[in-house]
Amino acid sequence: MDCRNRPGQPLAGPPRLCYVKILCLPDDRLAPRMSSSLSRHKRAGLRYFRGGSGPSLLLLHGVPGSSHTWRSAGRLLAAHYDVIIPDLGGFGTSPSLDEDLHLDHELYLEAHAESVHRLLDALDVQSLYLGGHDVGGAVAVTLLRLFPEYAARGLVLAATNLFTDPYVPLPLRLAGVPVLGPAFFRLLAGTRPGLRLLYRIGAHHKAAFPLAAFDRHLTPAGVEQTWRILHRSLANPRASYRDVEAALPTLDAPTVVLWGDQDVLLPTDAARRLVDTLPDATLSLFEATGHFVPEERPEMTAGHTDDFFRARSASRPRPDREESSF
């Protein structure tokens, strides 16, 4: 594969500066990180991977997804962090949420955030780095909104919509069509064949993230939860993401936004908009990468996340920050 480092270029739009890089990390730089391992645990009603030592790093998957979304990147990051990767309620090996946290309402993001809060409380985690892919990014922001006592040292947001008016690809627009729309949408987002079609559309670097790896996410409960969450969020994104979008300007934790330059489910305009909205964020575009960033590019995801957190923890930037040293 042709991996080229390109210099960062400023995005258009006053008054702030942010930078875009399209790059791959050299293999020799990543080699020392390859030996860490993660083990399975269960606490507070959730199953999760955990491993490593250092500051806590919580990584949340999207839909379709499970803790396997971050597992490969998490094994690398465990060289320097106490990595915690849960299966959200009803996904992977975690049971469905308790009745008081059910998903039959518009506040499903809050339900998952509350469930994650219970896990962190049981693990006595108060200060942490935090990351999310896809809907996991919205759950991460909701967690910080509902529980401001958490000291977020940094954020990594990978291919995630956090706005009330997202771009929606044509097949997924069926979610908002009255009467017949939900039935057709369920065939697309509520069945294994339909979700495999989304994989074929959304994944670009399939050699690194083959269909067999994607299929690990498609447990019966996970397929059902995926359909329910996708339908609710796409049929009425204004209701689902209103509080998330409103919280973005208040997130002062340094944030690295990771995106694939070939993401057709969430095009790169959404990434630039996110960086422009957050108070302190840097955008990195990964070349020849689709929507499933942590699984298509686990080494790049881990390397960028670690480098960014290390650089930004050394000194907080000025409002008109310069390009990150990584």
C-alpha atoms as a PDB file:
ATOM      1  CA  MET A   1       0.000   0.000   0.000  1.00  0.00           C
ATOM      2  CA  ASP A   2       1.254   3.475  -0.830  1.00  0.00           C
ATOM      3  CA  CYS A   3       1.290   5.430   2.464  1.00  0.00           C
ATOM      4  CA  ARG A   4       2.416   9.030   2.123  1.00  0.00           C
ATOM      5  CA  ASN A   5       2.911  11.629   4.831  1.00  0.00           C
ATOM      6  CA  ARG A   6       1.539  14.960   3.749  1.00  0.00           C
ATOM      7  CA  PRO A   7       2.020  18.251   5.569  1.00  0.00           C
ATOM      8  CA  GLY A   8      -0.938  19.624   7.492  1.00  0.00           C
ATOM      9  CA  GLN A   9      -2.955  22.235   5.698  1.00  0.00           C
ATOM     10  CA  PRO A  10      -5.193  24.837   7.387  1.00  0.00           C
ATOM     11  CA  LEU A  11      -8.918  24.462   6.936  1.00  0.00           C
ATOM     12  CA  ALA A  12     -10.907  27.293   5.462  1.00  0.00           C
ATOM     13  CA  GLY A  13     -12.975  29.464   7.762  1.00  0.00           C
ATOM     14  CA  PRO A  14     -12.099  32.113  10.342  1.00  0.00           C
ATOM     15  CA  PRO A  15     -11.069  32.657  12.996  1.00  0.00           C
ATOM     16  CA  ARG A  16      -9.418  29.449  14.255  1.00  0.00           C
ATOM     17  CA  LEU A  17      -6.648  27.300  12.870  1.00  0.00           C
ATOM     18  CA  CYS A  18      -6.868  23.534  12.648  1.00  0.00           C
ATOM     19  CA  TYR A  19      -4.955  21.069  10.552  1.00  0.00           C
ATOM     20  CA  VAL A  20      -5.594  18.107   8.333  1.00  0.00           C
ATOM     21  CA  LYS A  21      -3.120  15.311   7.753  1.00  0.00           C
ATOM     22  CA  ILE A  22      -3.507  12.351   5.451  1.00  0.00           C
ATOM     23  CA  LEU A  23      -0.945   9.799   6.450  1.00  0.00           C
ATOM     24  CA  CYS A  24       0.051   6.293   7.406  1.00  0.00           C
ATOM     25  CA  LEU A  25       2.455   5.543  10.234  1.00  0.00           C
ATOM     26  CA  PRO A  26       5.612   3.533   9.464  1.00  0.00           C
ATOM     27  CA  ASP A  27       5.578  -0.042  10.733  1.00  0.00           C
ATOM     28  CA  ASP A  28       8.839   0.267  12.713  1.00  0.00           C
ATOM     29  CA  ARG A  29       7.345   3.070  14.794  1.00  0.00           C
ATOM     30  CA  LEU A  30       4.508   0.788  15.901  1.00  0.00           C
ATOM     31  CA  ALA A  31       6.480  -2.392  16.567  1.00  0.00           C
ATOM     32  CA  PRO A  32       7.263  -1.703  20.265  1.00  0.00           C
ATOM     33  CA  ARG A  33       3.546  -1.504  21.053  1.00  0.00           C
ATOM     34  CA  MET A  34       2.527  -4.935  19.816  1.00  0.00           C
ATOM     35  CA  SER A  35       2.867  -7.091  22.959  1.00  0.00           C
ATOM     36  CA  SER A  36       0.051  -5.811  25.202  1.00  0.00           C
ATOM     37  CA  SER A  37      -3.037  -7.916  25.845  1.00  0.00           C
ATOM     38  CA  LEU A  38      -6.612  -7.363  26.980  1.00  0.00           C
ATOM     39  CA  SER A  39      -8.714  -9.702  29.094  1.00  0.00           C
ATOM     40  CA  ARG A  40     -12.469 -10.123  29.507  1.00  0.00           C
ATOM     41  CA  HIS A  41     -14.314  -8.922  32.600  1.00  0.00           C
ATOM     42  CA  LYS A  42     -17.879  -8.307  33.771  1.00  0.00           C
ATOM     43  CA  ARG A  43     -18.980  -5.542  36.128  1.00  0.00           C
ATOM     44  CA  ALA A  44     -22.042  -3.395  36.676  1.00  0.00           C
ATOM     45  CA  GLY A  45     -24.046  -5.318  34.085  1.00  0.00           C
ATOM     46  CA  LEU A  46     -21.551  -4.845  31.244  1.00  0.00           C
ATOM     47  CA  ARG A  47     -18.841  -7.060  29.807  1.00  0.00           C
ATOM     48  CA  TYR A  48     -15.638  -5.362  28.766  1.00  0.00           C
ATOM     49  CA  PHE A  49     -12.034  -5.773  27.708  1.00  0.00           C
ATOM     50  CA  ARG A  50      -9.412  -4.332  30.029  1.00  0.00           C
ATOM     51  CA  GLY A  51      -5.643  -4.287  30.052  1.00  0.00           C
ATOM     52  CA  GLY A  52      -2.528  -2.191  30.425  1.00  0.00           C
ATOM     53  CA  SER A  53      -1.465   0.357  33.005  1.00  0.00           C
ATOM     54  CA  GLY A  54      -1.401   4.112  33.200  1.00  0.00           C
ATOM     55  CA  PRO A  55      -4.193   6.684  32.981  1.00  0.00           C
ATOM     56  CA  SER A  56      -7.631   5.260  32.229  1.00  0.00           C
ATOM     57  CA  LEU A  57      -8.747   5.262  28.595  1.00  0.00           C
ATOM     58  CA  LEU A  58     -12.397   4.351  27.922  1.00  0.00           C
ATOM     59  CA  LEU A  59     -13.251   3.469  24.313  1.00  0.00           C
ATOM     60  CA  LEU A  60     -16.885   3.144  23.151  1.00  0.00           C
ATOM     61  CA  HIS A  61     -18.058   1.386  20.006  1.00  0.00           C
ATOM     62  CA  GLY A  62     -20.752   2.466  17.568  1.00  0.00           C
ATOM     63  CA  VAL A  63     -23.435   0.630  15.622  1.00  0.00           C
ATOM     64  CA  PRO A  64     -23.087  -1.872  14.170  1.00  0.00           C
ATOM     65  CA  GLY A  65     -20.300  -2.681  16.590  1.00  0.00           C
ATOM     66  CA  SER A  66     -19.069  -4.214  19.822  1.00  0.00           C
ATOM     67  CA  SER A  67     -15.975  -4.074  21.989  1.00  0.00           C
ATOM     68  CA  HIS A  68     -14.114  -5.722  19.073  1.00  0.00           C
ATOM     69  CA  THR A  69     -14.320  -2.338  17.304  1.00  0.00           C
ATOM     70  CA  TRP A  70     -11.491  -1.006  19.485  1.00  0.00           C
ATOM     71  CA  ARG A  71      -9.806  -4.259  20.492  1.00  0.00           C
ATOM     72  CA  SER A  72      -6.845  -4.159  18.095  1.00  0.00           C
ATOM     73  CA  ALA A  73      -6.151  -0.467  18.701  1.00  0.00           C
ATOM     74  CA  GLY A  74      -6.731  -1.015  22.418  1.00  0.00           C
ATOM     75  CA  ARG A  75      -4.040  -3.713  22.590  1.00  0.00           C
ATOM     76  CA  LEU A  76      -1.557  -1.178  21.266  1.00  0.00           C
ATOM     77  CA  LEU A  77      -2.749   1.621  23.528  1.00  0.00           C
ATOM     78  CA  ALA A  78      -2.538  -0.680  26.568  1.00  0.00           C
ATOM     79  CA  ALA A  79       1.226  -0.164  26.449  1.00  0.00           C
ATOM     80  CA  HIS A  80       0.636   3.265  28.011  1.00  0.00           C
ATOM     81  CA  TYR A  81      -2.960   3.318  29.289  1.00  0.00           C
ATOM     82  CA  ASP A  82      -5.382   1.374  31.441  1.00  0.00           C
ATOM     83  CA  VAL A  83      -7.655   0.544  28.507  1.00  0.00           C
ATOM     84  CA  ILE A  84     -11.347  -0.205  29.128  1.00  0.00           C
ATOM     85  CA  ILE A  85     -13.522  -1.255  26.171  1.00  0.00           C
ATOM     86  CA  PRO A  86     -17.095  -2.231  27.062  1.00  0.00           C
ATOM     87  CA  ASP A  87     -19.777  -3.920  25.058  1.00  0.00           C
ATOM     88  CA  LEU A  88     -22.620  -1.438  25.381  1.00  0.00           C
ATOM     89  CA  GLY A  89     -25.871  -2.871  26.706  1.00  0.00           C
ATOM     90  CA  GLY A  90     -27.335  -5.396  24.256  1.00  0.00           C
ATOM     91  CA  PHE A  91     -24.199  -5.516  22.094  1.00  0.00           C
ATOM     92  CA  GLY A  92     -21.477  -8.122  21.952  1.00  0.00           C
ATOM     93  CA  THR A  93     -21.575 -10.199  25.119  1.00  0.00           C
ATOM     94  CA  SER A  94     -23.315  -7.626  27.327  1.00  0.00           C
ATOM     95  CA  PRO A  95     -26.926  -8.275  28.305  1.00  0.00           C
ATOM     96  CA  SER A  96     -29.612  -5.775  27.381  1.00  0.00           C
ATOM     97  CA  LEU A  97     -29.971  -2.682  29.538  1.00  0.00           C
ATOM     98  CA  ASP A  98     -31.985  -2.827  32.734  1.00  0.00           C
ATOM     99  CA  GLU A  99     -35.643  -1.901  32.500  1.00  0.00           C
ATOM    100  CA  ASP A 100     -34.964   1.577  33.876  1.00  0.00           C
ATOM    101  CA  LEU A 101     -32.438   2.087  31.073  1.00  0.00           C
ATOM    102  CA  HIS A 102     -34.471   0.667  28.209  1.00  0.00           C
ATOM    103  CA  LEU A 103     -34.242   2.022  24.668  1.00  0.00           C
ATOM    104  CA  ASP A 104     -37.949   2.505  23.985  1.00  0.00           C
ATOM    105  CA  HIS A 105     -37.613   6.258  24.243  1.00  0.00           C
ATOM    106  CA  GLU A 106     -35.725   9.090  22.549  1.00  0.00           C
ATOM    107  CA  LEU A 107     -33.063   9.253  25.249  1.00  0.00           C
ATOM    108  CA  TYR A 108     -31.197   6.077  24.280  1.00  0.00           C
ATOM    109  CA  LEU A 109     -27.877   7.944  24.345  1.00  0.00           C
ATOM    110  CA  GLU A 110     -28.541   8.843  27.966  1.00  0.00           C
ATOM    111  CA  ALA A 111     -29.444   5.242  28.738  1.00  0.00           C
ATOM    112  CA  HIS A 112     -26.103   3.991  27.463  1.00  0.00           C
ATOM    113  CA  ALA A 113     -24.210   6.853  29.129  1.00  0.00           C
ATOM    114  CA  GLU A 114     -25.828   6.003  32.450  1.00  0.00           C
ATOM    115  CA  SER A 115     -24.867   2.342  31.988  1.00  0.00           C
ATOM    116  CA  VAL A 116     -21.247   3.309  31.269  1.00  0.00           C
ATOM    117  CA  HIS A 117     -21.296   5.614  34.301  1.00  0.00           C
ATOM    118  CA  ARG A 118     -22.270   2.656  36.477  1.00  0.00           C
ATOM    119  CA  LEU A 119     -19.315   0.703  35.120  1.00  0.00           C
ATOM    120  CA  LEU A 120     -16.851   3.548  35.730  1.00  0.00           C
ATOM    121  CA  ASP A 121     -18.235   4.047  39.223  1.00  0.00           C
ATOM    122  CA  ALA A 122     -17.769   0.354  39.979  1.00  0.00           C
ATOM    123  CA  LEU A 123     -14.185   0.556  38.698  1.00  0.00           C
ATOM    124  CA  ASP A 124     -13.563   3.767  40.704  1.00  0.00           C
ATOM    125  CA  VAL A 125     -12.528   5.692  37.579  1.00  0.00           C
ATOM    126  CA  GLN A 126     -12.870   9.472  37.892  1.00  0.00           C
ATOM    127  CA  SER A 127     -10.229  10.946  35.602  1.00  0.00           C
ATOM    128  CA  LEU A 128      -9.917   9.466  32.143  1.00  0.00           C
ATOM    129  CA  TYR A 129      -9.200   9.768  28.485  1.00  0.00           C
ATOM    130  CA  LEU A 130     -12.284   9.014  26.440  1.00  0.00           C
ATOM    131  CA  GLY A 131     -12.989   7.885  22.905  1.00  0.00           C
ATOM    132  CA  GLY A 132     -15.862   6.852  20.693  1.00  0.00           C
ATOM    133  CA  HIS A 133     -16.495   5.627  17.177  1.00  0.00           C
ATOM    134  CA  ASP A 134     -19.757   6.311  15.359  1.00  0.00           C
ATOM    135  CA  VAL A 135     -22.633   6.398  17.907  1.00  0.00           C
ATOM    136  CA  GLY A 136     -20.037   5.712  20.601  1.00  0.00           C
ATOM    137  CA  GLY A 137     -18.849   9.287  20.136  1.00  0.00           C
ATOM    138  CA  ALA A 138     -22.339  10.578  20.929  1.00  0.00           C
ATOM    139  CA  VAL A 139     -22.489   8.344  24.007  1.00  0.00           C
ATOM    140  CA  ALA A 140     -19.098   9.706  25.110  1.00  0.00           C
ATOM    141  CA  VAL A 141     -20.259  13.327  24.799  1.00  0.00           C
ATOM    142  CA  THR A 142     -23.494  12.450  26.602  1.00  0.00           C
ATOM    143  CA  LEU A 143     -21.490  10.852  29.416  1.00  0.00           C
ATOM    144  CA  LEU A 144     -19.541  14.080  29.927  1.00  0.00           C
ATOM    145  CA  ARG A 145     -22.713  16.164  29.700  1.00  0.00           C
ATOM    146  CA  LEU A 146     -24.610  14.130  32.279  1.00  0.00           C
ATOM    147  CA  PHE A 147     -21.693  13.546  34.616  1.00  0.00           C
ATOM    148  CA  PRO A 148     -19.473  16.649  34.601  1.00  0.00           C
ATOM    149  CA  GLU A 149     -17.581  15.298  37.621  1.00  0.00           C
ATOM    150  CA  TYR A 150     -15.494  13.212  35.231  1.00  0.00           C
ATOM    151  CA  ALA A 151     -12.226  14.923  34.443  1.00  0.00           C
ATOM    152  CA  ALA A 152     -11.781  14.252  30.726  1.00  0.00           C
ATOM    153  CA  ARG A 153      -8.062  14.575  29.987  1.00  0.00           C
ATOM    154  CA  GLY A 154      -8.564  14.162  26.256  1.00  0.00           C
ATOM    155  CA  LEU A 155     -10.978  12.870  23.619  1.00  0.00           C
ATOM    156  CA  VAL A 156     -10.628  10.794  20.480  1.00  0.00           C
ATOM    157  CA  LEU A 157     -13.651  10.907  18.172  1.00  0.00           C
ATOM    158  CA  ALA A 158     -13.592   8.605  15.145  1.00  0.00           C
ATOM    159  CA  ALA A 159     -16.118   8.923  12.307  1.00  0.00           C
ATOM    160  CA  THR A 160     -18.969  10.074  14.533  1.00  0.00           C
ATOM    161  CA  ASN A 161     -22.004  12.265  13.893  1.00  0.00           C
ATOM    162  CA  LEU A 162     -22.748  14.730  16.686  1.00  0.00           C
ATOM    163  CA  PHE A 163     -25.128  17.064  14.843  1.00  0.00           C
ATOM    164  CA  THR A 164     -28.880  17.312  14.412  1.00  0.00           C
ATOM    165  CA  ASP A 165     -28.716  17.647  10.620  1.00  0.00           C
ATOM    166  CA  PRO A 166     -26.279  14.996   9.394  1.00  0.00           C
ATOM    167  CA  TYR A 167     -25.764  13.932   5.819  1.00  0.00           C
ATOM    168  CA  VAL A 168     -27.665  10.660   5.358  1.00  0.00           C
ATOM    169  CA  PRO A 169     -26.820   8.324   2.435  1.00  0.00           C
ATOM    170  CA  LEU A 170     -29.760   7.453   0.210  1.00  0.00           C
ATOM    171  CA  PRO A 171     -30.490   3.907   1.502  1.00  0.00           C
ATOM    172  CA  LEU A 172     -30.557   5.124   5.113  1.00  0.00           C
ATOM    173  CA  ARG A 173     -33.013   7.920   4.326  1.00  0.00           C
ATOM    174  CA  LEU A 174     -35.729   5.279   4.360  1.00  0.00           C
ATOM    175  CA  ALA A 175     -35.762   5.617   8.145  1.00  0.00           C
ATOM    176  CA  GLY A 176     -37.657   8.889   7.879  1.00  0.00           C
ATOM    177  CA  VAL A 177     -40.233   7.802   5.297  1.00  0.00           C
ATOM    178  CA  PRO A 178     -43.688   7.437   6.894  1.00  0.00           C
ATOM    179  CA  VAL A 179     -45.564   4.116   7.011  1.00  0.00           C
ATOM    180  CA  LEU A 180     -43.474   1.883   4.736  1.00  0.00           C
ATOM    181  CA  GLY A 181     -40.126   3.487   5.587  1.00  0.00           C
ATOM    182  CA  PRO A 182     -39.557   1.661   8.908  1.00  0.00           C
ATOM    183  CA  ALA A 183     -40.357  -1.727   7.348  1.00  0.00           C
ATOM    184  CA  PHE A 184     -37.928  -1.231   4.466  1.00  0.00           C
ATOM    185  CA  PHE A 185     -35.334   0.249   6.819  1.00  0.00           C
ATOM    186  CA  ARG A 186     -35.545  -2.788   9.057  1.00  0.00           C
ATOM    187  CA  LEU A 187     -34.591  -4.995   6.103  1.00  0.00           C
ATOM    188  CA  LEU A 188     -31.505  -2.844   5.652  1.00  0.00           C
ATOM    189  CA  ALA A 189     -30.438  -2.153   9.242  1.00  0.00           C
ATOM    190  CA  GLY A 190     -32.188  -4.922  11.182  1.00  0.00           C
ATOM    191  CA  THR A 191     -30.966  -8.051   9.404  1.00  0.00           C
ATOM    192  CA  ARG A 192     -27.555  -9.624   8.964  1.00  0.00           C
ATOM    193  CA  PRO A 193     -27.710  -9.404   5.124  1.00  0.00           C
ATOM    194  CA  GLY A 194     -28.711  -5.747   5.313  1.00  0.00           C
ATOM    195  CA  LEU A 195     -25.934  -4.852   7.746  1.00  0.00           C
ATOM    196  CA  ARG A 196     -23.439  -6.745   5.609  1.00  0.00           C
ATOM    197  CA  LEU A 197     -24.506  -4.484   2.756  1.00  0.00           C
ATOM    198  CA  LEU A 198     -23.734  -1.459   4.945  1.00  0.00           C
ATOM    199  CA  TYR A 199     -20.316  -2.983   5.615  1.00  0.00           C
ATOM    200  CA  ARG A 200     -19.657  -3.363   1.883  1.00  0.00           C
ATOM    201  CA  ILE A 201     -20.654   0.261   1.342  1.00  0.00           C
ATOM    202  CA  GLY A 202     -18.935   1.752   4.379  1.00  0.00           C
ATOM    203  CA  ALA A 203     -15.677  -0.198   4.710  1.00  0.00           C
ATOM    204  CA  HIS A 204     -12.860   0.686   2.321  1.00  0.00           C
ATOM    205  CA  HIS A 205      -9.752  -1.116   3.595  1.00  0.00           C
ATOM    206  CA  LYS A 206     -11.377  -4.537   3.607  1.00  0.00           C
ATOM    207  CA  ALA A 207      -8.058  -6.380   3.621  1.00  0.00           C
ATOM    208  CA  ALA A 208      -7.496  -5.155   7.182  1.00  0.00           C
ATOM    209  CA  PHE A 209     -11.168  -5.404   8.169  1.00  0.00           C
ATOM    210  CA  PRO A 210     -12.713  -8.388   6.359  1.00  0.00           C
ATOM    211  CA  LEU A 211     -16.347  -9.405   6.472  1.00  0.00           C
ATOM    212  CA  ALA A 212     -15.584 -12.176   8.975  1.00  0.00           C
ATOM    213  CA  ALA A 213     -14.335  -9.561  11.439  1.00  0.00           C
ATOM    214  CA  PHE A 214     -17.442  -7.427  10.874  1.00  0.00           C
ATOM    215  CA  ASP A 215     -19.666 -10.447  11.499  1.00  0.00           C
ATOM    216  CA  ARG A 216     -18.393 -10.647  15.102  1.00  0.00           C
ATOM    217  CA  HIS A 217     -20.585  -7.622  15.839  1.00  0.00           C
ATOM    218  CA  LEU A 218     -23.758  -9.215  14.470  1.00  0.00           C
ATOM    219  CA  THR A 219     -25.080 -11.111  17.465  1.00  0.00           C
ATOM    220  CA  PRO A 220     -28.888 -11.440  17.464  1.00  0.00           C
ATOM    221  CA  ALA A 221     -29.234  -8.859  20.233  1.00  0.00           C
ATOM    222  CA  GLY A 222     -26.679  -6.589  18.568  1.00  0.00           C
ATOM    223  CA  VAL A 223     -28.574  -6.654  15.257  1.00  0.00           C
ATOM    224  CA  GLU A 224     -31.815  -5.775  17.067  1.00  0.00           C
ATOM    225  CA  GLN A 225     -30.205  -2.905  18.991  1.00  0.00           C
ATOM    226  CA  THR A 226     -28.509  -1.629  15.831  1.00  0.00           C
ATOM    227  CA  TRP A 227     -31.826  -1.413  14.003  1.00  0.00           C
ATOM    228  CA  ARG A 228     -33.540   0.371  16.892  1.00  0.00           C
ATOM    229  CA  ILE A 229     -30.774   2.911  17.445  1.00  0.00           C
ATOM    230  CA  LEU A 230     -30.156   3.631  13.762  1.00  0.00           C
ATOM    231  CA  HIS A 231     -33.846   4.023  13.046  1.00  0.00           C
ATOM    232  CA  ARG A 232     -34.413   6.375  15.963  1.00  0.00           C
ATOM    233  CA  SER A 233     -31.342   8.506  15.284  1.00  0.00           C
ATOM    234  CA  LEU A 234     -31.965   8.774  11.528  1.00  0.00           C
ATOM    235  CA  ALA A 235     -35.729   9.181  11.633  1.00  0.00           C
ATOM    236  CA  ASN A 236     -35.496  12.071  14.092  1.00  0.00           C
ATOM    237  CA  PRO A 237     -31.892  13.270  14.421  1.00  0.00           C
ATOM    238  CA  ARG A 238     -32.988  16.638  15.815  1.00  0.00           C
ATOM    239  CA  ALA A 239     -34.524  14.999  18.872  1.00  0.00           C
ATOM    240  CA  SER A 240     -31.752  12.434  19.233  1.00  0.00           C
ATOM    241  CA  TYR A 241     -28.776  14.777  18.913  1.00  0.00           C
ATOM    242  CA  ARG A 242     -30.081  18.144  20.119  1.00  0.00           C
ATOM    243  CA  ASP A 243     -28.383  17.951  23.526  1.00  0.00           C
ATOM    244  CA  VAL A 244     -25.220  16.408  22.081  1.00  0.00           C
ATOM    245  CA  GLU A 245     -24.776  19.217  19.554  1.00  0.00           C
ATOM    246  CA  ALA A 246     -25.473  21.853  22.201  1.00  0.00           C
ATOM    247  CA  ALA A 247     -22.725  20.376  24.415  1.00  0.00           C
ATOM    248  CA  LEU A 248     -19.965  20.519  21.788  1.00  0.00           C
ATOM    249  CA  PRO A 249     -18.851  24.135  22.350  1.00  0.00           C
ATOM    250  CA  THR A 250     -18.427  23.389  26.069  1.00  0.00           C
ATOM    251  CA  LEU A 251     -16.038  20.458  25.635  1.00  0.00           C
ATOM    252  CA  ASP A 252     -12.665  21.958  26.460  1.00  0.00           C
ATOM    253  CA  ALA A 253     -10.762  18.656  26.541  1.00  0.00           C
ATOM    254  CA  PRO A 254      -8.164  18.450  23.755  1.00  0.00           C
ATOM    255  CA  THR A 255      -9.708  16.352  21.001  1.00  0.00           C
ATOM    256  CA  VAL A 256      -8.271  14.422  18.080  1.00  0.00           C
ATOM    257  CA  VAL A 257     -10.818  13.706  15.345  1.00  0.00           C
ATOM    258  CA  LEU A 258      -9.957  10.676  13.207  1.00  0.00           C
ATOM    259  CA  TRP A 259     -11.668  10.134   9.848  1.00  0.00           C
ATOM    260  CA  GLY A 260     -11.331   8.055   6.716  1.00  0.00           C
ATOM    261  CA  ASP A 261     -10.938  10.004   3.493  1.00  0.00           C
ATOM    262  CA  GLN A 262     -13.159   7.411   1.742  1.00  0.00           C
ATOM    263  CA  ASP A 263     -16.000   7.429   4.288  1.00  0.00           C
ATOM    264  CA  VAL A 264     -19.237   7.486   2.272  1.00  0.00           C
ATOM    265  CA  LEU A 265     -21.501   7.097   5.322  1.00  0.00           C
ATOM    266  CA  LEU A 266     -20.110  10.212   7.038  1.00  0.00           C
ATOM    267  CA  PRO A 267     -18.187  12.279   4.476  1.00  0.00           C
ATOM    268  CA  THR A 268     -15.220  14.392   5.505  1.00  0.00           C
ATOM    269  CA  ASP A 269     -17.264  17.619   5.539  1.00  0.00           C
ATOM    270  CA  ALA A 270     -18.756  16.322   8.800  1.00  0.00           C
ATOM    271  CA  ALA A 271     -15.265  15.935  10.232  1.00  0.00           C
ATOM    272  CA  ARG A 272     -14.309  19.502   9.354  1.00  0.00           C
ATOM    273  CA  ARG A 273     -17.532  20.808  10.809  1.00  0.00           C
ATOM    274  CA  LEU A 274     -16.879  18.920  14.034  1.00  0.00           C
ATOM    275  CA  VAL A 275     -13.383  20.349  14.375  1.00  0.00           C
ATOM    276  CA  ASP A 276     -14.698  23.855  13.700  1.00  0.00           C
ATOM    277  CA  THR A 277     -17.323  23.448  16.432  1.00  0.00           C
ATOM    278  CA  LEU A 278     -15.166  21.980  19.197  1.00  0.00           C
ATOM    279  CA  PRO A 279     -13.100  24.492  21.213  1.00  0.00           C
ATOM    280  CA  ASP A 280      -9.814  22.568  20.956  1.00  0.00           C
ATOM    281  CA  ALA A 281      -9.592  19.932  18.230  1.00  0.00           C
ATOM    282  CA  THR A 282      -7.308  18.620  15.511  1.00  0.00           C
ATOM    283  CA  LEU A 283      -8.435  16.596  12.505  1.00  0.00           C
ATOM    284  CA  SER A 284      -6.494  13.728  10.957  1.00  0.00           C
ATOM    285  CA  LEU A 285      -7.692  12.105   7.741  1.00  0.00           C
ATOM    286  CA  PHE A 286      -6.483   8.575   7.049  1.00  0.00           C
ATOM    287  CA  GLU A 287      -5.776   7.724   3.445  1.00  0.00           C
ATOM    288  CA  ALA A 288      -7.684   4.902   1.715  1.00  0.00           C
ATOM    289  CA  THR A 289      -9.879   4.407   4.792  1.00  0.00           C
ATOM    290  CA  GLY A 290     -13.645   4.118   5.103  1.00  0.00           C
ATOM    291  CA  HIS A 291     -16.085   4.505   7.979  1.00  0.00           C
ATOM    292  CA  PHE A 292     -14.758   1.795  10.312  1.00  0.00           C
ATOM    293  CA  VAL A 293     -11.597   3.677  11.251  1.00  0.00           C
ATOM    294  CA  PRO A 294     -10.466   1.769  14.384  1.00  0.00           C
ATOM    295  CA  GLU A 295     -10.823  -1.574  12.608  1.00  0.00           C
ATOM    296  CA  GLU A 296      -9.533  -0.572   9.198  1.00  0.00           C
ATOM    297  CA  ARG A 297      -6.529   1.287  10.644  1.00  0.00           C
ATOM    298  CA  PRO A 298      -5.901   0.105  14.226  1.00  0.00           C
ATOM    299  CA  GLU A 299      -2.181   0.957  14.194  1.00  0.00           C
ATOM    300  CA  MET A 300      -2.792   4.461  12.874  1.00  0.00           C
ATOM    301  CA  THR A 301      -5.665   4.949  15.313  1.00  0.00           C
ATOM    302  CA  ALA A 302      -3.529   3.919  18.285  1.00  0.00           C
ATOM    303  CA  GLY A 303      -0.477   5.859  17.136  1.00  0.00           C
ATOM    304  CA  HIS A 304      -2.333   9.094  16.497  1.00  0.00           C
ATOM    305  CA  THR A 305      -4.311   8.845  19.710  1.00  0.00           C
ATOM    306  CA  ASP A 306      -1.248   8.207  21.863  1.00  0.00           C
ATOM    307  CA  ASP A 307       0.882  10.868  20.171  1.00  0.00           C
ATOM    308  CA  PHE A 308      -1.863  13.459  20.422  1.00  0.00           C
ATOM    309  CA  PHE A 309      -2.600  12.815  24.093  1.00  0.00           C
ATOM    310  CA  ARG A 310       1.082  12.872  24.987  1.00  0.00           C
ATOM    311  CA  ALA A 311       1.743  16.088  23.086  1.00  0.00           C
ATOM    312  CA  ARG A 312      -1.292  17.886  24.449  1.00  0.00           C
ATOM    313  CA  SER A 313      -0.864  16.731  28.041  1.00  0.00           C
ATOM    314  CA  ALA A 314       2.598  18.299  28.055  1.00  0.00           C
ATOM    315  CA  SER A 315       1.167  21.773  27.473  1.00  0.00           C
ATOM    316  CA  ARG A 316      -2.316  23.063  26.748  1.00  0.00           C
ATOM    317  CA  PRO A 317      -2.517  25.121  23.515  1.00  0.00           C
ATOM    318  CA  ARG A 318      -3.231  28.756  23.043  1.00  0.00           C
ATOM    319  CA  PRO A 319      -6.634  29.647  21.518  1.00  0.00           C
ATOM    320  CA  ASP A 320      -4.924  30.194  18.161  1.00  0.00           C
ATOM    321  CA  ARG A 321      -3.035  26.914  18.548  1.00  0.00           C
ATOM    322  CA  GLU A 322      -0.308  25.749  16.269  1.00  0.00           C
ATOM    323  CA  GLU A 323      -0.096  22.411  14.540  1.00  0.00           C
ATOM    324  CA  SER A 324       0.369  19.427  16.823  1.00  0.00           C
ATOM    325  CA  SER A 325       3.930  18.165  16.968  1.00  0.00           C
ATOM    326  CA  PHE A 326       2.915  14.593  16.137  1.00  0.00           C
END
